[in-house]
Amino acid sequence: MRFKKFLQLFFDKQLSKQLVEYFGEKSYVTISNLTYIRSKKSYLINITLYVGQPENLELLYPDALEMLVQRAWNVIGDKKDIIIQSSFDLTQK
């Protein structure tokens, strides 16, 4: 539970400029779930990207989002592997 809060906070404070740069103005992410999977010895991260400008989505999704999640996980997560399950929505905040 604490990793979910820290990961969301890291995106909101540190990576918000990169999200805007990659996916346009008013883009943001929400982390809906972060659970540990014992059989795989890794964390599953469910993340939703809300896109302000869908033109950039075709070129950069999901690679840029996964890169940002990995960068955030390297800072706040433990050394376990992660599995990223991402989705996107075209609504705005």
C-alpha atoms as a PDB file:
ATOM      1  CA  MET A   1       0.000   0.000   0.000  1.00  0.00           C
ATOM      2  CA  ARG A   2       2.773   2.423   0.812  1.00  0.00           C
ATOM      3  CA  PHE A   3       4.429   1.834  -2.571  1.00  0.00           C
ATOM      4  CA  LYS A   4       1.203   2.810  -4.340  1.00  0.00           C
ATOM      5  CA  LYS A   5       1.024   6.132  -2.494  1.00  0.00           C
ATOM      6  CA  PHE A   6       4.708   6.862  -3.029  1.00  0.00           C
ATOM      7  CA  LEU A   7       4.530   5.953  -6.697  1.00  0.00           C
ATOM      8  CA  GLN A   8       1.488   8.195  -7.253  1.00  0.00           C
ATOM      9  CA  LEU A   9       3.154  11.035  -5.377  1.00  0.00           C
ATOM     10  CA  PHE A  10       6.365  10.620  -7.379  1.00  0.00           C
ATOM     11  CA  PHE A  11       4.417  10.858 -10.633  1.00  0.00           C
ATOM     12  CA  ASP A  12       2.481  13.901  -9.425  1.00  0.00           C
ATOM     13  CA  LYS A  13       5.528  15.801  -8.184  1.00  0.00           C
ATOM     14  CA  GLN A  14       8.545  14.636 -10.172  1.00  0.00           C
ATOM     15  CA  LEU A  15       7.349  13.193 -13.477  1.00  0.00           C
ATOM     16  CA  SER A  16       4.452  15.499 -14.315  1.00  0.00           C
ATOM     17  CA  LYS A  17       6.600  17.600 -16.662  1.00  0.00           C
ATOM     18  CA  GLN A  18       7.706  14.524 -18.606  1.00  0.00           C
ATOM     19  CA  LEU A  19       4.092  13.363 -18.908  1.00  0.00           C
ATOM     20  CA  VAL A  20       3.118  16.725 -20.367  1.00  0.00           C
ATOM     21  CA  GLU A  21       6.118  16.639 -22.683  1.00  0.00           C
ATOM     22  CA  TYR A  22       5.292  13.145 -23.979  1.00  0.00           C
ATOM     23  CA  PHE A  23       1.494  13.115 -24.001  1.00  0.00           C
ATOM     24  CA  GLY A  24       0.410  16.752 -24.072  1.00  0.00           C
ATOM     25  CA  GLU A  25      -1.078  19.337 -21.780  1.00  0.00           C
ATOM     26  CA  LYS A  26      -3.381  18.092 -18.980  1.00  0.00           C
ATOM     27  CA  SER A  27      -2.002  14.541 -19.125  1.00  0.00           C
ATOM     28  CA  TYR A  28      -1.738  12.654 -15.856  1.00  0.00           C
ATOM     29  CA  VAL A  29      -1.668   9.113 -14.477  1.00  0.00           C
ATOM     30  CA  THR A  30      -3.459   7.261 -11.710  1.00  0.00           C
ATOM     31  CA  ILE A  31      -2.259   4.085 -10.098  1.00  0.00           C
ATOM     32  CA  SER A  32      -5.293   1.964  -9.411  1.00  0.00           C
ATOM     33  CA  ASN A  33      -3.580  -1.065  -7.927  1.00  0.00           C
ATOM     34  CA  LEU A  34      -0.161  -2.255  -6.885  1.00  0.00           C
ATOM     35  CA  THR A  35       0.071  -5.823  -5.617  1.00  0.00           C
ATOM     36  CA  TYR A  36       2.804  -8.320  -4.957  1.00  0.00           C
ATOM     37  CA  ILE A  37       2.616 -11.613  -6.843  1.00  0.00           C
ATOM     38  CA  ARG A  38       4.411 -14.313  -4.884  1.00  0.00           C
ATOM     39  CA  SER A  39       4.613 -16.863  -7.671  1.00  0.00           C
ATOM     40  CA  LYS A  40       6.436 -14.413  -9.938  1.00  0.00           C
ATOM     41  CA  LYS A  41       8.281 -12.607  -7.135  1.00  0.00           C
ATOM     42  CA  SER A  42       7.351  -9.278  -8.651  1.00  0.00           C
ATOM     43  CA  TYR A  43       4.910  -6.405  -8.262  1.00  0.00           C
ATOM     44  CA  LEU A  44       1.970  -5.834 -10.599  1.00  0.00           C
ATOM     45  CA  ILE A  45       1.278  -2.164 -11.258  1.00  0.00           C
ATOM     46  CA  ASN A  46      -2.058  -1.155 -12.794  1.00  0.00           C
ATOM     47  CA  ILE A  47      -1.686   2.344 -14.188  1.00  0.00           C
ATOM     48  CA  THR A  48      -4.037   4.479 -16.255  1.00  0.00           C
ATOM     49  CA  LEU A  49      -2.813   7.307 -18.448  1.00  0.00           C
ATOM     50  CA  TYR A  50      -5.232  10.180 -19.026  1.00  0.00           C
ATOM     51  CA  VAL A  51      -4.208  11.919 -22.226  1.00  0.00           C
ATOM     52  CA  GLY A  52      -4.656  15.590 -23.025  1.00  0.00           C
ATOM     53  CA  GLN A  53      -3.554  15.389 -26.664  1.00  0.00           C
ATOM     54  CA  PRO A  54      -4.235  12.024 -28.315  1.00  0.00           C
ATOM     55  CA  GLU A  55      -1.986  12.822 -31.313  1.00  0.00           C
ATOM     56  CA  ASN A  56       1.120  11.790 -29.356  1.00  0.00           C
ATOM     57  CA  LEU A  57      -0.467   8.633 -28.048  1.00  0.00           C
ATOM     58  CA  GLU A  58       0.155   6.560 -31.168  1.00  0.00           C
ATOM     59  CA  LEU A  59       3.898   7.160 -31.198  1.00  0.00           C
ATOM     60  CA  LEU A  60       4.792   7.011 -27.522  1.00  0.00           C
ATOM     61  CA  TYR A  61       2.291   4.748 -25.783  1.00  0.00           C
ATOM     62  CA  PRO A  62       3.103   2.383 -24.015  1.00  0.00           C
ATOM     63  CA  ASP A  63       6.903   2.640 -24.237  1.00  0.00           C
ATOM     64  CA  ALA A  64       7.261   6.138 -22.786  1.00  0.00           C
ATOM     65  CA  LEU A  65       4.837   5.354 -19.976  1.00  0.00           C
ATOM     66  CA  GLU A  66       6.673   2.140 -19.093  1.00  0.00           C
ATOM     67  CA  MET A  67       9.968   4.017 -19.074  1.00  0.00           C
ATOM     68  CA  LEU A  68       8.549   6.564 -16.620  1.00  0.00           C
ATOM     69  CA  VAL A  69       7.119   3.843 -14.385  1.00  0.00           C
ATOM     70  CA  GLN A  70      10.458   2.045 -14.356  1.00  0.00           C
ATOM     71  CA  ARG A  71      12.258   5.278 -13.485  1.00  0.00           C
ATOM     72  CA  ALA A  72       9.864   5.943 -10.615  1.00  0.00           C
ATOM     73  CA  TRP A  73      10.118   2.355  -9.375  1.00  0.00           C
ATOM     74  CA  ASN A  74      13.906   2.560  -9.293  1.00  0.00           C
ATOM     75  CA  VAL A  75      13.589   5.497  -6.911  1.00  0.00           C
ATOM     76  CA  ILE A  76      10.793   4.401  -4.546  1.00  0.00           C
ATOM     77  CA  GLY A  77      10.399   0.648  -4.985  1.00  0.00           C
ATOM     78  CA  ASP A  78      12.354  -2.213  -3.573  1.00  0.00           C
ATOM     79  CA  LYS A  79      14.581  -4.268  -5.824  1.00  0.00           C
ATOM     80  CA  LYS A  80      11.836  -6.674  -6.951  1.00  0.00           C
ATOM     81  CA  ASP A  81      10.822  -6.817 -10.614  1.00  0.00           C
ATOM     82  CA  ILE A  82       7.641  -5.148 -11.831  1.00  0.00           C
ATOM     83  CA  ILE A  83       4.934  -6.054 -14.304  1.00  0.00           C
ATOM     84  CA  ILE A  84       3.178  -3.045 -15.800  1.00  0.00           C
ATOM     85  CA  GLN A  85      -0.434  -3.290 -16.852  1.00  0.00           C
ATOM     86  CA  SER A  86      -1.331   0.012 -18.479  1.00  0.00           C
ATOM     87  CA  SER A  87      -4.383   1.527 -20.070  1.00  0.00           C
ATOM     88  CA  PHE A  88      -5.328   4.971 -21.323  1.00  0.00           C
ATOM     89  CA  ASP A  89      -8.328   7.233 -21.398  1.00  0.00           C
ATOM     90  CA  LEU A  90      -8.903  10.318 -23.514  1.00  0.00           C
ATOM     91  CA  THR A  91     -10.811  12.253 -20.896  1.00  0.00           C
ATOM     92  CA  GLN A  92      -9.288  15.245 -19.236  1.00  0.00           C
ATOM     93  CA  LYS A  93      -8.921  16.261 -15.603  1.00  0.00           C
END
